[in-house]
Amino acid sequence: MSTRPVHMIYFVATPARVSFRRTGGDVSRHLHTIWVAIETLVHNMEVRPGDLHLGWSKPQKAEEWADTRDFAAKAAMTSVLDGVDQYLKVLGRVPRLTDPSLAETLKGTARTPLGARLTIFSRFAALVAHYGCAVSTEKLAAIELLAAWRNQFVHGDYRHSLSKQTRRTLEGAGAYFKSAQGGAEIGAALARFDDRKGPTLADLVTLITSCQLAIGAVDEHLLHTQSPGDLALDMVEFALRQDPDPSALLERLFFKGGHRSAGAVLALLHAFGVAKTQGYTGSAPAMTRSAFDGVVGMGRNEASALFGIGRP
């Protein structure tokens, strides 16, 4: 006698992590591509894009090529920290996922006792401290180094250097980074920072990877603080409220009710990148398709009342 397979739904990321991946998740890959393109162009004739309308000439001096590499490095540093900032802001917009006391910190409007706004790093560190997430002190120190280096190298802002605790952590973390990140030389990166030099490609990959891993650890931790059923409702409400026309989206999702509405919601969560189905092997909150149907398989009137979104 054959049995029907149990279809599972896994909640693999918050909308905040999906947003971070778009901005900061692929920075290392894109930076490698740009760096390789620069080195290729040094030794070969250029191929200009058809829509290049501004005047341009191939750099001729080593200093000009160095400036181009520096520009790519600055763009990468800015992008990944913008991604962290966006991660925090989007996280705060997911209903019920985080402690309400963190709202100002996540939005970026929290201030120090002296009235200054918290930095991106300070906000992320506050989130980690609040939940006791499994983010190592070495990774947090690397993110602080990335933020301070960005301020100096990109903006020429030398007002905020590394904390003493972070400096001690990095100075003693040589063996950790060599083992955890394929031979990364964090001591050499710290020395370049102290000398007010730009980061090498290897430095950037080390710091960006630490940032990506830390975001992943925080995100997984937060997902496991919720039941799968609550996550399903949180994700749906986020999707509705971020849509340009929440009422119209609610109508489309819950028009048919029951199993078919649940299917529409599942398709939306798939498209958002927050849920996966059969075949996922990682650690993530999960529920059966039948349980999912029982949570979100509602009609338009019930959905309108539950999510507080009026019907057209």
Protein backbone atom coordinates (compact mmCIF):
# COMPACT_ATOMS: atom_id res chain seq x y z
CA MET A 1 0.00 0.00 0.00
CA SER A 2 1.56 3.31 -1.06
CA THR A 3 1.42 6.43 1.09
CA ARG A 4 1.38 9.99 -0.14
CA PRO A 5 4.55 11.93 0.66
CA VAL A 6 4.37 14.56 3.38
CA HIS A 7 5.11 17.92 1.82
CA MET A 8 7.09 20.18 4.13
CA ILE A 9 7.48 23.95 4.05
CA TYR A 10 10.68 25.42 5.49
CA PHE A 11 11.12 29.03 6.57
CA VAL A 12 14.72 29.61 5.52
CA ALA A 13 15.19 33.39 5.74
CA THR A 14 13.52 36.54 6.93
CA PRO A 15 12.68 39.22 4.35
CA ALA A 16 15.54 41.17 5.92
CA ARG A 17 18.11 38.56 4.96
CA VAL A 18 16.70 38.39 1.44
CA SER A 19 17.16 42.16 1.25
CA PHE A 20 20.74 41.89 2.55
CA ARG A 21 21.58 39.30 -0.10
CA ARG A 22 20.47 41.69 -2.83
CA THR A 23 22.70 44.48 -1.53
CA GLY A 24 25.55 42.89 0.37
CA GLY A 25 25.33 39.16 -0.11
CA ASP A 26 27.09 38.96 -3.47
CA VAL A 27 29.58 41.77 -2.91
CA SER A 28 32.62 39.46 -2.79
CA ARG A 29 31.63 37.75 -6.05
CA HIS A 30 31.04 41.04 -7.85
CA LEU A 31 34.25 42.52 -6.43
CA HIS A 32 36.24 39.58 -7.77
CA THR A 33 34.64 40.06 -11.18
CA ILE A 34 35.52 43.76 -11.23
CA TRP A 35 39.05 43.14 -10.01
CA VAL A 36 39.63 40.46 -12.65
CA ALA A 37 38.19 42.79 -15.28
CA ILE A 38 40.62 45.51 -14.22
CA GLU A 39 43.61 43.16 -14.42
CA THR A 40 42.44 41.88 -17.80
CA LEU A 41 42.06 45.40 -19.12
CA VAL A 42 45.60 46.28 -18.02
CA HIS A 43 46.97 43.75 -20.52
CA ASN A 44 44.38 43.84 -23.30
CA MET A 45 42.49 46.25 -25.52
CA GLU A 46 39.25 47.47 -24.10
CA VAL A 47 35.82 46.43 -25.35
CA ARG A 48 33.49 49.36 -24.83
CA PRO A 49 29.76 48.90 -24.14
CA GLY A 50 27.43 50.18 -26.80
CA ASP A 51 25.76 52.66 -24.44
CA LEU A 52 29.01 54.30 -23.28
CA HIS A 53 28.34 57.91 -24.20
CA LEU A 54 30.80 59.74 -22.00
CA GLY A 55 34.38 60.21 -23.04
CA TRP A 56 36.74 57.60 -21.67
CA SER A 57 40.35 56.63 -22.13
CA LYS A 58 42.20 53.63 -20.81
CA PRO A 59 44.38 54.46 -17.79
CA GLN A 60 48.07 54.57 -18.67
CA LYS A 61 49.80 54.92 -15.32
CA ALA A 62 50.07 52.52 -12.39
CA GLU A 63 48.61 55.20 -10.13
CA GLU A 64 45.48 55.44 -12.29
CA TRP A 65 44.95 51.68 -12.10
CA ALA A 66 45.44 51.83 -8.33
CA ASP A 67 42.77 54.54 -8.12
CA THR A 68 40.39 52.33 -10.10
CA ARG A 69 41.00 49.39 -7.76
CA ASP A 70 40.48 51.68 -4.78
CA PHE A 71 37.16 52.83 -6.23
CA ALA A 72 36.01 49.21 -6.54
CA ALA A 73 37.08 48.52 -2.96
CA LYS A 74 35.26 51.60 -1.68
CA ALA A 75 32.09 50.62 -3.54
CA ALA A 76 32.24 47.12 -2.05
CA MET A 77 32.73 48.40 1.49
CA THR A 78 29.86 50.85 1.13
CA SER A 79 27.54 48.26 -0.41
CA VAL A 80 27.99 45.65 2.27
CA LEU A 81 27.47 48.12 5.12
CA ASP A 82 24.43 49.55 3.33
CA GLY A 83 23.23 45.94 3.21
CA VAL A 84 23.62 45.59 6.99
CA ASP A 85 21.72 48.85 7.50
CA GLN A 86 18.94 47.61 5.23
CA TYR A 87 18.90 44.24 7.01
CA LEU A 88 18.22 45.96 10.32
CA LYS A 89 15.55 48.27 8.89
CA VAL A 90 13.66 45.51 7.08
CA LEU A 91 13.92 43.25 10.14
CA GLY A 92 12.11 45.89 12.15
CA ARG A 93 9.27 45.93 9.62
CA VAL A 94 8.48 42.21 9.93
CA PRO A 95 5.52 42.04 12.33
CA ARG A 96 6.20 40.44 15.73
CA LEU A 97 9.58 39.04 14.76
CA THR A 98 11.72 41.23 17.03
CA ASP A 99 11.38 42.73 20.50
CA PRO A 100 9.50 46.06 20.31
CA SER A 101 12.19 47.61 22.53
CA LEU A 102 14.57 47.31 19.55
CA ALA A 103 12.37 49.31 17.18
CA GLU A 104 14.37 52.55 17.27
CA THR A 105 17.67 50.67 17.04
CA LEU A 106 16.55 48.72 13.99
CA LYS A 107 15.13 51.81 12.25
CA GLY A 108 18.33 53.74 12.85
CA THR A 109 16.74 56.48 14.95
CA ALA A 110 18.12 55.40 18.34
CA ARG A 111 20.64 57.79 19.86
CA THR A 112 23.50 57.68 22.32
CA PRO A 113 23.24 59.52 25.67
CA LEU A 114 25.07 62.43 23.99
CA GLY A 115 22.46 62.64 21.22
CA ALA A 116 24.38 61.06 18.34
CA ARG A 117 22.71 58.38 16.23
CA LEU A 118 23.95 54.85 16.72
CA THR A 119 26.28 53.65 13.99
CA ILE A 120 25.37 50.70 11.78
CA PHE A 121 27.83 48.52 13.67
CA SER A 122 26.50 49.62 17.07
CA ARG A 123 22.95 48.81 15.99
CA PHE A 124 23.92 45.36 14.74
CA ALA A 125 25.95 44.66 17.90
CA ALA A 126 22.95 45.71 20.01
CA LEU A 127 20.73 43.22 18.16
CA VAL A 128 23.25 40.43 18.69
CA ALA A 129 23.62 41.28 22.40
CA HIS A 130 19.85 41.43 22.93
CA TYR A 131 19.26 37.92 21.63
CA GLY A 132 22.57 36.31 22.60
CA CYS A 133 22.94 35.09 19.02
CA ALA A 134 25.70 32.69 18.08
CA VAL A 135 27.93 35.36 16.52
CA SER A 136 31.54 35.05 17.61
CA THR A 137 33.41 38.01 19.06
CA GLU A 138 35.89 37.65 16.19
CA LYS A 139 33.16 38.16 13.56
CA LEU A 140 31.76 41.16 15.40
CA ALA A 141 35.26 42.63 15.66
CA ALA A 142 35.75 42.13 11.91
CA ILE A 143 32.49 43.98 11.19
CA GLU A 144 33.60 46.87 13.38
CA LEU A 145 36.90 46.95 11.50
CA LEU A 146 35.02 47.02 8.18
CA ALA A 147 32.84 49.90 9.40
CA ALA A 148 35.76 51.94 10.77
CA TRP A 149 37.83 51.28 7.66
CA ARG A 150 34.96 52.34 5.43
CA ASN A 151 34.63 55.60 7.36
CA GLN A 152 38.33 56.33 6.96
CA PHE A 153 39.04 55.01 3.47
CA VAL A 154 35.81 56.10 1.79
CA HIS A 155 34.81 59.21 3.71
CA GLY A 156 38.10 60.40 5.23
CA ASP A 157 36.41 60.31 8.65
CA TYR A 158 38.96 59.46 11.34
CA ARG A 159 36.86 60.46 14.35
CA HIS A 160 35.81 56.93 15.32
CA SER A 161 38.50 54.29 15.46
CA LEU A 162 38.29 50.78 16.84
CA SER A 163 37.34 50.16 20.43
CA LYS A 164 40.09 48.80 22.67
CA GLN A 165 38.18 45.56 23.11
CA THR A 166 37.85 45.05 19.35
CA ARG A 167 41.53 45.80 18.80
CA ARG A 168 42.53 43.23 21.43
CA THR A 169 40.16 40.70 19.89
CA LEU A 170 41.61 41.15 16.39
CA GLU A 171 45.20 41.13 17.62
CA GLY A 172 44.59 37.75 19.23
CA ALA A 173 42.45 36.29 16.44
CA GLY A 174 45.13 35.40 13.89
CA ALA A 175 44.76 31.65 14.35
CA TYR A 176 40.94 31.87 14.31
CA PHE A 177 40.78 33.67 10.97
CA LYS A 178 43.45 31.47 9.38
CA SER A 179 41.45 28.39 10.34
CA ALA A 180 37.91 29.70 9.80
CA GLN A 181 38.50 31.63 6.57
CA GLY A 182 41.08 29.76 4.56
CA GLY A 183 44.29 31.37 5.76
CA ALA A 184 42.99 34.93 6.18
CA GLU A 185 45.59 37.31 7.65
CA ILE A 186 43.60 39.53 9.98
CA GLY A 187 46.78 40.90 11.59
CA ALA A 188 48.02 42.21 8.25
CA ALA A 189 44.61 43.79 7.57
CA LEU A 190 44.69 45.52 10.94
CA ALA A 191 48.19 46.83 10.21
CA ARG A 192 47.03 48.30 6.88
CA PHE A 193 44.11 49.94 8.66
CA ASP A 194 46.46 51.46 11.23
CA ASP A 195 48.72 52.74 8.45
CA ARG A 196 45.70 54.41 6.78
CA LYS A 197 46.08 52.29 3.68
CA GLY A 198 43.31 50.77 1.62
CA PRO A 199 42.29 47.13 2.05
CA THR A 200 43.54 44.42 -0.27
CA LEU A 201 41.11 42.13 -2.05
CA ALA A 202 41.94 39.43 0.52
CA ASP A 203 41.23 41.86 3.38
CA LEU A 204 37.85 42.73 1.93
CA VAL A 205 36.85 39.12 1.39
CA THR A 206 37.74 38.32 5.02
CA LEU A 207 35.71 41.22 6.41
CA ILE A 208 32.74 40.80 4.05
CA THR A 209 32.58 37.05 4.71
CA SER A 210 32.50 37.72 8.45
CA CYS A 211 29.60 40.09 7.87
CA GLN A 212 27.68 37.59 5.75
CA LEU A 213 28.18 34.79 8.29
CA ALA A 214 27.08 37.02 11.17
CA ILE A 215 23.89 38.03 9.34
CA GLY A 216 23.16 34.37 8.66
CA ALA A 217 23.61 33.41 12.31
CA VAL A 218 21.36 36.22 13.55
CA ASP A 219 18.69 35.43 10.97
CA GLU A 220 18.59 31.74 11.78
CA HIS A 221 18.38 32.52 15.49
CA LEU A 222 15.42 34.86 14.99
CA LEU A 223 13.56 32.35 12.82
CA HIS A 224 13.85 29.76 15.58
CA THR A 225 12.29 32.10 18.14
CA GLN A 226 8.93 31.78 16.35
CA SER A 227 6.63 28.87 15.68
CA PRO A 228 6.27 27.97 11.98
CA GLY A 229 2.61 28.99 12.05
CA ASP A 230 3.43 32.41 13.48
CA LEU A 231 6.21 32.83 10.92
CA ALA A 232 3.78 32.09 8.11
CA LEU A 233 1.42 34.83 9.30
CA ASP A 234 4.28 37.27 9.93
CA MET A 235 5.64 36.78 6.42
CA VAL A 236 2.21 37.20 4.85
CA GLU A 237 1.53 40.39 6.78
CA PHE A 238 4.94 41.79 5.82
CA ALA A 239 4.27 40.98 2.16
CA LEU A 240 0.88 42.68 2.31
CA ARG A 241 2.11 45.84 4.06
CA GLN A 242 5.12 46.38 1.84
CA ASP A 243 3.04 46.04 -1.34
CA PRO A 244 2.06 49.29 -3.13
CA ASP A 245 -1.60 48.17 -2.96
CA PRO A 246 -2.11 45.93 0.10
CA SER A 247 -5.88 45.65 -0.42
CA ALA A 248 -5.51 44.44 -4.01
CA LEU A 249 -2.86 41.89 -3.02
CA LEU A 250 -5.07 40.60 -0.21
CA GLU A 251 -7.90 40.15 -2.70
CA ARG A 252 -5.67 38.20 -5.08
CA LEU A 253 -4.22 35.94 -2.40
CA PHE A 254 -7.40 35.08 -0.52
CA PHE A 255 -10.03 35.29 -3.26
CA LYS A 256 -10.65 31.54 -3.43
CA GLY A 257 -10.06 30.60 0.20
CA GLY A 258 -8.93 27.27 1.61
CA HIS A 259 -6.29 25.18 -0.12
CA ARG A 260 -6.14 27.45 -3.17
CA SER A 261 -5.51 30.59 -1.11
CA ALA A 262 -2.80 28.75 0.80
CA GLY A 263 -1.23 27.80 -2.53
CA ALA A 264 -1.24 31.43 -3.63
CA VAL A 265 0.42 32.46 -0.37
CA LEU A 266 3.04 29.73 -0.69
CA ALA A 267 3.86 30.85 -4.23
CA LEU A 268 4.32 34.40 -2.93
CA LEU A 269 6.65 33.27 -0.12
CA HIS A 270 8.63 31.24 -2.65
CA ALA A 271 8.98 34.32 -4.85
CA PHE A 272 10.08 36.36 -1.84
CA GLY A 273 12.79 33.80 -1.07
CA VAL A 274 11.70 33.24 2.53
CA ALA A 275 10.28 29.73 2.16
CA LYS A 276 11.33 26.52 0.48
CA THR A 277 9.59 23.19 0.09
CA GLN A 278 10.58 19.56 -0.41
CA GLY A 279 14.31 18.89 -0.67
CA TYR A 280 15.63 21.48 1.78
CA THR A 281 18.22 19.97 4.13
CA GLY A 282 19.28 22.88 6.35
CA SER A 283 18.15 23.84 9.83
CA ALA A 284 14.94 25.83 9.62
CA PRO A 285 11.48 25.95 11.21
CA ALA A 286 9.16 23.71 9.20
CA MET A 287 5.53 22.71 8.95
CA THR A 288 3.55 20.32 6.80
CA ARG A 289 1.58 21.62 3.85
CA SER A 290 -1.66 20.57 5.55
CA ALA A 291 -0.72 22.57 8.68
CA PHE A 292 0.21 25.53 6.47
CA ASP A 293 -3.16 25.32 4.74
CA GLY A 294 -4.85 25.37 8.14
CA VAL A 295 -3.04 28.60 9.10
CA VAL A 296 -3.27 30.67 5.91
CA GLY A 297 -6.05 28.98 3.93
CA MET A 298 -8.62 31.66 4.75
CA GLY A 299 -11.02 33.81 2.79
CA ARG A 300 -10.83 37.53 2.09
CA ASN A 301 -12.99 38.70 5.00
CA GLU A 302 -11.08 36.66 7.56
CA ALA A 303 -7.72 37.79 6.13
CA SER A 304 -8.87 41.42 6.15
CA ALA A 305 -9.83 41.22 9.82
CA LEU A 306 -6.69 39.30 10.83
CA PHE A 307 -4.17 41.57 9.11
CA GLY A 308 -6.06 44.82 9.60
CA ILE A 309 -6.14 45.63 5.88
CA GLY A 310 -9.38 46.89 4.40
CA ARG A 311 -10.90 45.39 1.29
CA PRO A 312 -11.39 47.56 -1.79
